[in-house]
Protein backbone atom coordinates (compact mmCIF):
# COMPACT_ATOMS: atom_id res chain seq x y z
CA MET A 1 35.18 -123.63 -49.38
CA LYS A 2 34.40 -122.30 -46.11
CA ASN A 3 34.96 -125.60 -44.37
CA LYS A 4 38.36 -125.41 -46.19
CA THR A 5 38.54 -122.00 -44.74
CA ARG A 6 37.72 -122.87 -41.21
CA GLN A 7 40.36 -125.98 -41.64
CA ILE A 8 43.38 -123.42 -42.91
CA TYR A 9 42.72 -121.57 -39.81
CA LEU A 10 42.78 -124.31 -37.44
CA THR A 11 46.18 -125.93 -39.40
CA ILE A 12 47.67 -122.24 -38.43
CA PHE A 13 46.63 -121.90 -35.38
CA LEU A 14 48.19 -125.45 -34.44
CA LEU A 15 51.37 -124.86 -36.72
CA LEU A 16 52.54 -121.75 -34.60
CA THR A 17 51.99 -123.85 -31.31
CA LEU A 18 54.27 -126.54 -32.61
CA LEU A 19 56.58 -124.03 -33.65
CA SER A 20 56.98 -122.71 -30.44
CA LEU A 21 58.30 -126.05 -29.28
CA GLN A 22 60.34 -126.51 -32.54
CA ALA A 23 61.75 -123.23 -32.14
CA GLN A 24 63.71 -124.03 -28.87
CA ASP A 25 67.03 -125.35 -30.73
CA ASN A 26 69.66 -127.77 -28.32
CA THR A 27 66.69 -127.54 -26.09
CA TYR A 28 67.01 -131.48 -24.79
CA LYS A 29 69.77 -133.92 -23.75
CA SER A 30 67.14 -135.16 -21.05
CA SER A 31 65.91 -138.37 -21.77
CA GLY A 32 62.01 -139.00 -22.51
CA ILE A 33 59.35 -139.31 -20.15
CA LEU A 34 55.69 -140.93 -20.75
CA SER A 35 52.88 -140.77 -18.74
CA LEU A 36 49.33 -142.83 -18.89
CA LYS A 37 46.52 -141.05 -16.83
CA TYR A 38 42.94 -141.86 -16.59
CA GLY A 39 40.23 -139.43 -14.57
CA LYS A 40 36.37 -138.21 -14.74
CA GLY A 41 35.07 -135.12 -14.48
CA TYR A 42 31.81 -132.55 -15.13
CA ILE A 43 30.69 -130.58 -17.52
CA TYR A 44 30.42 -127.00 -16.15
CA PRO A 45 26.63 -125.73 -16.11
CA HIS A 46 28.05 -122.13 -17.54
CA HIS A 47 24.39 -122.08 -19.28
CA GLN A 48 21.39 -122.92 -17.20
CA CYS A 49 20.23 -125.39 -20.54
CA VAL A 50 23.94 -127.18 -20.01
CA LYS A 51 22.67 -128.88 -17.04
CA TYR A 52 20.00 -131.00 -18.60
CA LEU A 53 22.40 -131.86 -21.47
CA THR A 54 24.68 -134.12 -19.57
CA LYS A 55 23.63 -137.65 -18.13
CA GLY A 56 26.81 -138.23 -15.80
CA TYR A 57 30.26 -137.96 -15.12
CA THR A 58 32.74 -137.04 -18.31
CA THR A 59 35.87 -140.06 -18.70
CA VAL A 60 39.10 -138.55 -19.80
CA THR A 61 42.34 -141.20 -20.91
CA GLU A 62 45.63 -139.21 -21.92
CA LEU A 63 48.76 -140.14 -22.66
CA ASN A 64 51.88 -137.87 -22.56
CA TRP A 65 55.56 -138.14 -23.95
CA SER A 66 57.55 -135.18 -23.20
CA MET A 67 61.02 -133.93 -22.52
CA ARG A 68 62.47 -131.70 -19.82
CA THR A 69 64.68 -128.95 -21.00
CA ASN A 70 68.10 -129.66 -20.23
CA GLY A 71 69.03 -125.93 -18.62
CA LYS A 72 71.46 -124.77 -21.26
CA LYS A 73 69.35 -122.09 -22.63
CA ALA A 74 68.50 -118.76 -20.01
CA TRP A 75 64.88 -119.19 -20.43
CA HIS A 76 65.17 -122.57 -18.86
CA TYR A 77 66.35 -121.36 -15.69
CA TYR A 78 64.08 -118.61 -15.40
CA TYR A 79 61.33 -120.98 -15.30
CA LYS A 80 63.40 -123.92 -13.70
CA ARG A 81 64.00 -126.30 -16.21
CA PRO A 82 60.01 -127.00 -17.81
CA VAL A 83 58.90 -129.90 -19.87
CA LEU A 84 57.91 -129.80 -23.20
CA GLY A 85 55.44 -132.23 -25.09
CA LEU A 86 52.88 -133.46 -26.86
CA ALA A 87 50.06 -135.12 -25.09
CA LEU A 88 46.61 -137.27 -26.85
CA SER A 89 43.63 -137.25 -25.00
CA TYR A 90 40.39 -139.02 -25.30
CA ARG A 91 37.13 -137.95 -23.81
CA ASP A 92 33.68 -139.25 -23.46
CA LEU A 93 31.40 -136.13 -22.81
CA ALA A 94 28.49 -138.10 -20.53
CA ASN A 95 26.07 -137.90 -23.31
CA PRO A 96 26.61 -140.14 -26.67
CA GLU A 97 23.50 -139.28 -28.52
CA ILE A 98 24.17 -134.89 -27.87
CA LEU A 99 27.65 -134.08 -27.00
CA GLY A 100 29.68 -137.67 -28.43
CA LYS A 101 32.68 -137.87 -27.89
CA SER A 102 36.29 -135.83 -28.33
CA TYR A 103 39.62 -136.11 -29.43
CA ALA A 104 42.25 -133.56 -28.97
CA PHE A 105 46.38 -133.13 -29.56
CA SER A 106 47.87 -130.83 -28.04
CA PRO A 107 51.95 -129.85 -27.22
CA PHE A 108 51.62 -128.39 -24.02
CA MET A 109 54.61 -126.81 -21.33
CA GLN A 110 54.87 -128.17 -17.79
CA PHE A 111 56.08 -125.71 -14.91
CA TYR A 112 57.98 -127.57 -11.54
CA LEU A 113 56.27 -125.23 -8.97
CA ILE A 114 57.66 -127.14 -6.29
CA GLU A 115 60.42 -129.90 -6.38
CA THR A 116 61.95 -132.50 -4.14
CA ARG A 117 62.95 -136.06 -4.19
CA PRO A 118 59.75 -137.68 -3.03
CA PHE A 119 57.26 -135.97 -4.65
CA SER A 120 56.74 -132.65 -7.06
CA LEU A 121 54.05 -130.34 -7.94
CA ARG A 122 53.77 -128.89 -11.80
CA LEU A 123 51.35 -127.28 -13.87
CA LYS A 124 50.94 -127.98 -16.92
CA THR A 125 49.29 -125.81 -19.82
CA ALA A 126 48.59 -127.00 -23.19
CA ILE A 127 47.07 -125.35 -26.29
CA GLY A 128 45.80 -127.91 -29.50
CA VAL A 129 43.12 -128.75 -31.36
CA SER A 130 40.68 -131.26 -30.57
CA VAL A 131 38.10 -133.32 -33.10
CA LEU A 132 34.04 -133.72 -31.37
CA SER A 133 32.25 -136.39 -32.72
CA LYS A 134 28.99 -134.61 -32.16
CA LYS A 135 27.87 -131.01 -33.48
CA PHE A 136 25.26 -128.70 -33.28
CA ASP A 137 22.74 -129.65 -36.38
CA ILE A 138 19.83 -128.13 -36.99
CA ASP A 139 17.95 -131.00 -38.54
CA LYS A 140 20.07 -134.33 -36.47
CA ASN A 141 21.19 -132.79 -33.52
CA ILE A 142 19.40 -129.52 -32.53
CA HIS A 143 19.41 -130.12 -28.73
CA ASN A 144 23.30 -129.66 -29.16
CA ILE A 145 23.68 -126.27 -28.42
CA LEU A 146 27.24 -125.94 -27.39
CA ILE A 147 29.39 -126.22 -30.34
CA GLY A 148 28.54 -125.85 -33.90
CA SER A 149 31.82 -127.81 -35.77
CA HIS A 150 33.77 -130.88 -35.13
CA ALA A 151 36.83 -129.38 -35.29
CA ASN A 152 37.90 -126.90 -32.38
CA ALA A 153 40.24 -125.31 -30.42
CA TYR A 154 41.78 -127.19 -26.96
CA ILE A 155 43.10 -125.66 -24.08
CA HIS A 156 43.91 -127.77 -20.78
CA LEU A 157 45.34 -126.60 -17.58
CA ASN A 158 46.17 -129.16 -15.25
CA LEU A 159 48.09 -129.26 -11.80
CA ASP A 160 49.86 -132.58 -11.06
CA ILE A 161 51.31 -134.35 -8.06
CA ASP A 162 53.72 -136.27 -8.66
CA ILE A 163 54.97 -139.08 -6.05
CA ARG A 164 58.08 -140.96 -6.70
CA LEU A 165 57.27 -144.77 -6.16
CA ALA A 166 60.31 -146.28 -7.83
CA PRO A 167 63.85 -144.97 -9.87
CA GLY A 168 62.10 -143.90 -12.80
CA ILE A 169 58.43 -144.92 -11.83
CA SER A 170 56.36 -142.01 -9.96
CA ALA A 171 52.47 -141.65 -9.34
CA ILE A 172 50.27 -139.05 -10.52
CA ILE A 173 47.39 -136.87 -8.87
CA GLY A 174 45.96 -134.38 -10.41
CA GLY A 175 42.92 -131.75 -11.37
CA GLY A 176 42.62 -129.46 -13.98
CA VAL A 177 40.00 -128.00 -16.51
CA ALA A 178 39.58 -128.83 -20.69
CA HIS A 179 37.91 -125.60 -22.82
CA TYR A 180 36.72 -126.68 -26.17
CA SER A 181 35.43 -123.47 -28.77
CA ASN A 182 35.42 -123.00 -32.27
CA GLY A 183 35.81 -118.98 -31.84
CA HIS A 184 32.69 -118.59 -33.34
CA MET A 185 33.88 -119.68 -37.10
CA LYS A 186 30.90 -121.77 -36.63
CA PRO A 187 27.80 -121.01 -34.05
CA PRO A 188 26.48 -121.94 -31.51
CA ASN A 189 29.46 -121.67 -29.75
CA LYS A 190 28.93 -121.68 -26.03
CA GLY A 191 31.92 -123.52 -25.64
CA VAL A 192 32.28 -126.59 -22.99
CA ASN A 193 34.47 -126.68 -19.90
CA ILE A 194 35.01 -129.71 -18.45
CA PHE A 195 36.60 -129.88 -14.14
CA GLU A 196 38.21 -133.13 -13.98
CA LEU A 197 40.50 -135.14 -11.84
CA GLN A 198 42.65 -137.53 -13.08
CA SER A 199 45.31 -140.30 -11.92
CA GLY A 200 48.04 -142.05 -13.68
CA LEU A 201 51.78 -143.44 -14.07
CA ARG A 202 54.72 -141.31 -15.36
CA TYR A 203 57.80 -143.25 -16.45
CA THR A 204 61.59 -141.66 -17.20
CA PHE A 205 63.37 -143.69 -19.32
CA SER A 206 66.85 -142.52 -17.33
CA GLU A 207 66.86 -140.34 -14.21
CA LYS A 208 70.72 -139.68 -14.76
CA PRO A 209 70.96 -135.74 -15.89
CA LYS A 210 73.15 -135.46 -18.76
CA PRO A 211 75.94 -132.76 -18.09
CA VAL A 212 75.42 -129.44 -20.06
CA SER A 213 77.00 -126.42 -20.59
CA PRO A 214 75.57 -123.34 -18.43
CA PRO A 215 74.20 -120.88 -20.20
CA GLU A 216 75.89 -117.76 -21.04
CA ASN A 217 75.62 -115.23 -17.96
CA LYS A 218 74.78 -111.96 -20.18
CA PRO A 219 73.47 -108.64 -18.05
CA PHE A 220 70.12 -108.09 -19.16
CA ARG A 221 69.15 -104.76 -20.44
CA ALA A 222 65.26 -103.34 -20.55
CA SER A 223 64.22 -102.38 -24.29
CA ASN A 224 61.63 -100.79 -26.21
CA GLU A 225 59.37 -101.92 -29.08
CA LEU A 226 56.98 -100.66 -31.77
CA SER A 227 55.29 -103.16 -33.33
CA LEU A 228 52.02 -102.94 -36.47
CA GLN A 229 50.38 -105.67 -37.18
CA TYR A 230 47.23 -107.27 -39.34
CA CYS A 231 45.35 -110.10 -38.44
CA GLY A 232 41.99 -111.65 -40.00
CA GLY A 233 39.55 -113.66 -38.56
CA MET A 234 35.97 -115.15 -39.56
CA LYS A 235 33.15 -115.93 -37.69
CA LYS A 236 29.09 -116.51 -38.45
CA VAL A 237 26.15 -115.26 -36.27
CA ARG A 238 23.04 -117.61 -36.30
CA PRO A 239 23.72 -121.21 -37.49
CA GLY A 240 21.87 -122.01 -40.37
CA LYS A 241 20.74 -118.45 -41.43
CA TYR A 242 23.59 -115.80 -42.31
CA LYS A 243 26.11 -115.89 -43.92
CA ASP A 244 30.43 -116.07 -42.60
CA TYR A 245 31.75 -112.80 -42.49
CA TYR A 246 35.50 -112.19 -42.03
CA THR A 247 36.67 -109.98 -39.90
CA SER A 248 40.27 -107.94 -39.51
CA ILE A 249 42.17 -105.61 -37.26
CA ILE A 250 45.32 -103.36 -37.27
CA GLY A 251 47.24 -103.19 -34.62
CA ILE A 252 50.30 -100.96 -33.71
CA ASN A 253 51.50 -101.55 -30.37
CA PHE A 254 54.60 -100.19 -27.81
CA GLU A 255 55.86 -102.30 -25.51
CA ARG A 256 59.06 -102.42 -23.38
CA ARG A 257 60.38 -105.48 -22.10
CA ILE A 258 61.24 -105.27 -18.39
CA THR A 259 62.94 -108.46 -17.20
CA PRO A 260 63.44 -111.51 -19.16
CA LEU A 261 59.86 -112.67 -19.01
CA HIS A 262 58.04 -110.02 -19.26
CA ARG A 263 56.57 -107.35 -21.89
CA PHE A 264 54.32 -104.56 -21.38
CA GLY A 265 53.11 -102.16 -23.42
CA ILE A 266 49.84 -99.83 -25.12
CA GLY A 267 48.59 -99.29 -28.19
CA ILE A 268 45.73 -98.84 -30.77
CA ASN A 269 43.58 -101.31 -32.11
CA PHE A 270 41.20 -101.10 -35.50
CA PHE A 271 38.87 -103.43 -36.12
CA SER A 272 36.44 -104.09 -39.20
CA ASP A 273 33.45 -106.41 -38.59
CA HIS A 274 30.37 -106.88 -40.33
CA SER A 275 28.68 -109.41 -38.85
CA VAL A 276 27.14 -106.68 -36.46
CA ARG A 277 24.46 -105.69 -39.50
CA ASN A 278 23.00 -108.85 -37.97
CA PRO A 279 20.88 -107.31 -35.03
CA TYR A 280 20.10 -104.46 -36.89
CA ILE A 281 18.19 -107.00 -39.72
CA SER A 282 16.90 -108.68 -36.74
CA TYR A 283 15.32 -105.54 -35.67
CA ALA A 284 13.81 -104.30 -39.11
CA MET A 285 16.86 -101.04 -38.05
CA GLN A 286 18.34 -99.24 -40.34
CA PRO A 287 22.12 -101.03 -40.75
CA PRO A 288 25.24 -98.64 -40.95
CA GLN A 289 27.05 -98.26 -43.78
CA ASN A 290 30.46 -98.86 -42.51
CA TYR A 291 31.35 -101.56 -39.66
CA TYR A 292 34.88 -99.74 -37.87
CA ALA A 293 35.68 -99.47 -34.14
CA GLY A 294 38.66 -98.60 -32.52
CA GLY A 295 39.74 -98.84 -29.26
CA THR A 296 43.36 -98.49 -26.66
CA HIS A 297 44.61 -101.20 -25.15
CA LEU A 298 47.11 -101.97 -22.37
CA SER A 299 49.29 -105.08 -23.55
CA TYR A 300 51.18 -107.47 -21.35
CA ALA A 301 53.44 -110.61 -22.67
CA ILE A 302 55.21 -113.97 -21.30
CA VAL A 303 58.52 -114.72 -22.90
CA PHE A 304 59.67 -117.79 -24.24
CA ASN A 305 62.68 -117.24 -25.78
CA GLN A 306 61.23 -116.83 -29.72
CA PHE A 307 57.48 -117.21 -28.28
CA GLU A 308 55.08 -115.23 -26.21
CA ILE A 309 51.77 -115.54 -24.75
CA GLY A 310 50.20 -112.20 -25.27
CA MET A 311 47.24 -110.54 -23.29
CA GLN A 312 45.35 -106.92 -24.09
CA MET A 313 42.34 -105.39 -22.45
CA GLY A 314 40.98 -102.82 -24.16
CA MET A 315 37.87 -100.29 -24.64
CA PHE A 316 36.55 -98.45 -27.50
CA PHE A 317 36.72 -94.99 -28.48
CA TYR A 318 35.31 -94.83 -31.57
CA LYS A 319 32.45 -96.94 -33.17
CA THR A 320 30.21 -96.66 -35.98
CA HIS A 321 27.42 -99.33 -34.84
CA LYS A 322 26.12 -99.98 -31.19
CA TYR A 323 26.03 -103.74 -31.04
CA SER A 324 29.16 -104.76 -29.13
CA GLU A 325 30.65 -104.41 -25.53
CA PHE A 326 32.85 -100.95 -24.40
CA ILE A 327 35.80 -103.46 -23.03
CA TYR A 328 37.82 -106.34 -25.14
CA GLN A 329 39.91 -108.93 -24.65
CA ARG A 330 42.76 -110.42 -27.08
CA TYR A 331 44.57 -113.73 -26.44
CA ALA A 332 47.30 -115.02 -28.59
CA ILE A 333 50.36 -116.79 -29.06
CA ILE A 334 53.05 -114.83 -30.89
CA TYR A 335 56.06 -115.97 -32.62
CA ARG A 336 59.13 -114.09 -33.55
CA PHE A 337 61.39 -114.86 -36.53
CA GLY A 338 64.06 -113.08 -38.34
CA LYS A 339 65.29 -109.68 -36.97
CA TYR A 340 61.97 -107.79 -37.46
CA TRP A 341 59.14 -110.18 -38.41
CA MET A 342 56.36 -112.22 -36.27
CA ALA A 343 53.39 -114.62 -36.55
CA GLN A 344 50.43 -114.94 -34.21
CA THR A 345 47.25 -116.61 -33.90
CA GLY A 346 44.60 -116.08 -31.17
CA LEU A 347 41.19 -114.91 -29.87
CA LYS A 348 38.90 -111.90 -29.45
CA THR A 349 37.20 -112.18 -26.48
CA TYR A 350 34.14 -109.72 -24.71
CA TRP A 351 34.89 -110.61 -20.50
CA GLY A 352 35.81 -114.69 -21.60
CA SER A 353 33.30 -114.73 -24.59
CA ALA A 354 34.52 -115.47 -27.89
CA ASP A 355 33.76 -113.32 -30.56
CA PHE A 356 36.45 -114.43 -33.00
CA MET A 357 39.58 -116.54 -33.83
CA PHE A 358 42.50 -115.16 -35.86
CA VAL A 359 45.95 -115.41 -37.51
CA GLY A 360 48.17 -112.74 -38.72
CA LEU A 361 51.61 -111.06 -39.51
CA GLY A 362 53.37 -108.32 -38.19
CA CYS A 363 56.43 -106.33 -38.48
CA ARG A 364 59.05 -104.95 -35.34
CA ILE A 365 61.14 -101.98 -34.63
CA PRO A 366 63.55 -102.11 -31.93
CA LEU A 367 63.66 -98.48 -30.38
């Protein structure tokens, strides 16, 4: 049952990411782009013990299929006609007995920072799911203190230089960082961070652009919005010792969309997290009867038509317990549907240290 629950959270996480691509109707009238890259990297030792887990350089092979947006929608122009696509990647994590290998599937968006005929500079952002062949096992793999589950969230940021060799054919040189984490659904979850360099080839099936109608030139008007959200998550504090704990968030947010691309806001979050009882038990202290907290936050969202990437930075003003940080962050992919509804999936953290993953629904009221 617990494994099925984790699979449900990861499935919802992927589905919302895919919806963000599918929702852009009439987005494509350009030809397909196929690229293949190979590279090497290293696992960043964000903890002292990580240095002793790797035996050399990691390797990566990545296959990408993508299409460039056609410019028909206003948001295409705002972001200089970005590329949307899907990526499959395979990595050898430089320690087959303990860390194993990884397989990742990720929708991605690629932005043109510089674009000329001989070369271009592009930033790729990808969020998806991954499977690691090795995980922590208290009996069989006790030395893998990085990841406690086979299924994990996957984030990839990459900066590429594209050099045109011939019509439709380009060489790719670039580098980036890949991150694996299960959002504390099953500890340990120190995470895997890989810095790497890649090179490869890119083939565009037809470089001749197809004509499209220009977007409507509607004047932008700033708007306000009030939203109410409920999110649920799950976390496990220590491997093989404590049970799974369910967490929840009730959020109220007031936002103002000041440009077509940006929302800024302020709000309140109420948290419930019964896993904080474990430090009290470990130190033979009397735990509190309730495990609630309230915090106020500032929010920011980058807008891509029906979906957004949202971020919150907040601080607690009320806690029934003392075993948590004072400052917290929330990151989410938000999908808006209908006139009043939204779905989201994301991660709550303490200064980059994952606390728990969540999925949720919300309603919004234009003001």
